[in-house]
Protein backbone atom coordinates (compact mmCIF):
# COMPACT_ATOMS: atom_id res chain seq x y z
CA ASP A 1 -0.22 -0.30 0.10
CA TRP A 2 1.16 3.85 -0.88
CA LEU A 3 1.05 4.74 2.88
CA ALA A 4 2.95 1.61 4.07
CA HIS A 5 5.89 2.66 1.71
CA ALA A 6 5.57 6.50 2.12
CA LEU A 7 6.29 5.67 5.53
CA LEU A 8 8.82 3.25 5.76
CA GLY A 9 10.82 6.24 3.28
CA ILE A 10 10.72 8.49 5.54
CA ALA A 11 11.46 6.30 8.46
CA THR A 12 14.16 4.98 6.67
CA LEU A 13 16.07 8.15 6.06
CA TRP A 14 15.63 8.86 9.68
CA LYS A 15 16.71 6.24 11.52
CA ARG A 16 18.79 4.04 8.63
CA ARG A 17 20.23 7.14 7.04
CA ASP A 18 19.89 5.16 4.26
CA TYR A 19 19.08 7.73 1.13
CA GLU A 20 19.10 5.31 -1.60
CA ALA A 21 16.66 2.98 0.29
CA ALA A 22 14.80 5.90 1.17
CA ALA A 23 14.23 7.54 -1.95
CA ALA A 24 13.07 3.98 -3.42
CA GLU A 25 10.09 3.60 -0.83
CA GLU A 26 9.32 7.27 -1.68
CA GLU A 27 9.06 6.28 -5.26
CA MET A 28 7.14 3.46 -4.95
CA ALA A 29 4.84 5.30 -3.08
CA ILE A 30 4.34 7.85 -5.67
CA ALA A 31 3.95 4.98 -8.03
CA LEU A 32 0.75 3.41 -6.23
CA ASN A 33 -0.81 6.95 -5.39
CA PRO A 34 0.56 9.57 -7.90
CA SER A 35 -1.46 12.36 -5.82
CA ALA A 36 -0.39 11.56 -2.67
CA ALA A 37 0.58 14.91 -1.16
CA ILE A 38 2.40 13.39 1.79
CA ALA A 39 4.51 10.82 -0.60
CA HIS A 40 5.66 13.69 -2.84
CA HIS A 41 6.72 15.92 0.48
CA PHE A 42 8.52 12.99 2.18
CA HIS A 43 10.48 12.51 -1.06
CA GLY A 44 11.04 15.83 -1.32
CA CYS A 45 12.80 16.04 1.75
CA VAL A 46 14.61 12.41 1.11
CA LEU A 47 16.28 14.07 -1.59
CA THR A 48 16.89 17.35 0.22
CA PHE A 49 19.04 15.12 2.38
CA ASP A 50 20.49 13.00 -0.15
CA SER A 51 22.54 16.48 -0.97
CA ARG A 52 19.72 16.32 -3.94
CA PRO A 53 17.89 19.78 -3.59
CA ALA A 54 17.61 20.46 -7.37
CA ALA A 55 15.65 17.23 -7.62
CA ALA A 56 13.82 17.94 -4.24
CA ILE A 57 11.55 20.92 -5.53
CA PRO A 58 9.44 19.03 -7.83
CA HIS A 59 8.01 16.73 -5.45
CA LEU A 60 7.63 19.79 -2.68
CA ARG A 61 5.96 21.90 -5.51
CA ALA A 62 3.89 18.98 -6.63
CA VAL A 63 2.37 18.83 -2.70
CA LEU A 64 1.50 22.44 -3.13
CA GLN A 65 -0.63 21.47 -6.08
CA LEU A 66 -2.00 18.91 -5.51
CA ASP A 67 -3.12 19.72 -1.92
CA PRO A 68 -2.98 23.68 -0.90
CA ARG A 69 -4.35 22.82 2.00
CA PHE A 70 -2.21 20.29 3.20
CA PRO A 71 -2.00 20.26 6.49
CA PHE A 72 1.91 20.74 6.81
CA LEU A 73 1.65 23.27 4.14
CA SER A 74 4.06 25.55 6.57
CA VAL A 75 6.57 22.92 6.42
CA THR A 76 6.60 21.94 2.68
CA LEU A 77 7.19 25.91 1.80
CA ALA A 78 10.12 26.25 4.68
CA ASP A 79 11.57 22.71 2.76
CA ILE A 80 11.50 24.28 -0.65
CA GLY A 81 12.90 27.60 1.09
CA LEU A 82 15.67 25.32 2.66
CA ALA A 83 16.48 22.92 -0.97
CA HIS A 84 16.39 26.95 -2.83
CA LEU A 85 19.14 27.78 0.30
CA LEU A 86 21.22 24.84 -0.44
CA LEU A 87 21.11 25.60 -3.94
CA GLY A 88 22.51 29.24 -3.60
CA GLU A 89 19.02 31.05 -4.37
CA PHE A 90 18.58 33.49 -1.44
CA ASP A 91 16.25 35.19 -3.03
CA GLU A 92 14.27 32.28 -3.97
CA ALA A 93 14.76 30.79 -1.05
CA VAL A 94 13.39 34.17 1.00
CA GLU A 95 10.31 34.46 -1.41
CA GLU A 96 8.76 30.92 -0.84
CA ILE A 97 9.38 30.95 2.60
CA GLU A 98 7.37 34.39 2.99
CA GLU A 99 4.89 34.06 0.11
CA PRO A 100 1.48 34.52 1.74
CA ARG A 101 -0.76 31.43 0.85
CA ASP A 102 -4.20 30.77 1.35
CA GLY A 103 -5.28 32.02 5.02
CA GLU A 104 -2.14 33.51 5.63
CA GLU A 105 -1.06 37.20 6.21
CA GLY A 106 2.58 36.63 4.39
CA ARG A 107 5.23 39.18 3.94
CA ALA A 108 2.47 41.94 5.18
CA GLY A 109 2.11 40.32 8.32
CA ALA A 110 5.12 39.52 9.14
CA GLU A 111 7.02 43.18 8.07
CA LYS A 112 4.00 44.38 10.80
CA ALA A 113 5.29 41.72 13.20
CA VAL A 114 8.73 42.79 12.92
CA GLY A 115 7.86 46.53 12.78
CA LYS A 116 8.39 47.48 9.44
CA GLY A 117 6.59 50.11 7.42
CA PRO A 118 4.67 49.35 4.47
CA GLY A 119 7.51 50.93 2.57
CA GLY A 120 9.90 48.45 4.40
CA GLU A 121 11.18 51.38 6.51
CA ALA A 122 12.62 50.30 9.83
CA ARG A 123 10.53 51.21 12.83
CA HIS A 124 11.05 50.91 16.41
CA ALA A 125 8.90 47.90 17.67
CA GLU A 126 8.42 46.50 20.71
CA ALA A 127 8.91 42.54 20.81
CA GLY A 128 6.31 40.62 23.01
CA ASP A 129 8.95 40.28 26.08
CA GLY A 130 9.22 44.31 26.20
CA GLU A 131 12.29 44.33 24.34
CA VAL A 132 12.51 47.23 22.12
CA VAL A 133 13.32 45.70 18.53
CA ARG A 134 15.01 47.88 15.30
CA PRO A 135 14.37 45.69 12.49
CA TYR A 136 16.50 45.82 9.32
CA THR A 137 16.05 46.93 5.71
CA ARG A 138 16.25 44.93 3.12
CA ALA A 139 19.31 46.86 1.93
CA GLU A 140 21.12 46.43 5.27
CA GLU A 141 20.47 43.03 6.02
CA GLU A 142 22.62 39.82 4.93
CA PRO A 143 20.91 37.11 2.68
CA ARG A 144 21.49 34.39 5.49
CA ASP A 145 19.99 36.81 7.87
CA ARG A 146 16.30 37.13 5.54
CA ILE A 147 16.33 33.63 5.30
CA GLY A 148 17.14 33.01 8.86
CA ARG A 149 13.89 35.23 10.17
CA ALA A 150 12.25 33.75 7.40
CA LEU A 151 12.23 30.37 8.10
CA ASP A 152 11.51 31.25 11.66
CA ARG A 153 8.27 32.85 10.86
CA ARG A 154 7.15 30.00 8.64
CA LEU A 155 7.92 27.29 11.10
CA LYS A 156 6.31 28.80 13.42
CA ALA A 157 3.07 29.37 11.44
CA ALA A 158 3.27 25.49 11.93
């Protein structure tokens, strides 16, 4: 059954670190049920951890096409961002992570949360613990910092 192969594949990745066997199980799951979003998600994870992020992206994007309300959408988007990051595609990584989806505030909500105005100007904002935070403008920050903050926001939404 396709679900058994999908679960065995991801378990093989995490427990045995046998990337080849894990990929074979995910490929079998997808062959048995090509519309199984979770099998594509798992396969994307296996390929990313097997140092094949370019091959992972189509599987991770397939999740968005197959099930736009996928329960692990935030994690899937973070995985797509991670794959772009590993390919050195920093702008794509941030775009993917910050792109709003149905039911999400997206970049505008995230910028308000960190104290940025609609034009990207930095403002002083008070963090939840009373600490005053001055966010960087896009021109001031390094790509790795943008990606780190974007990943944090995406995963907190999960």
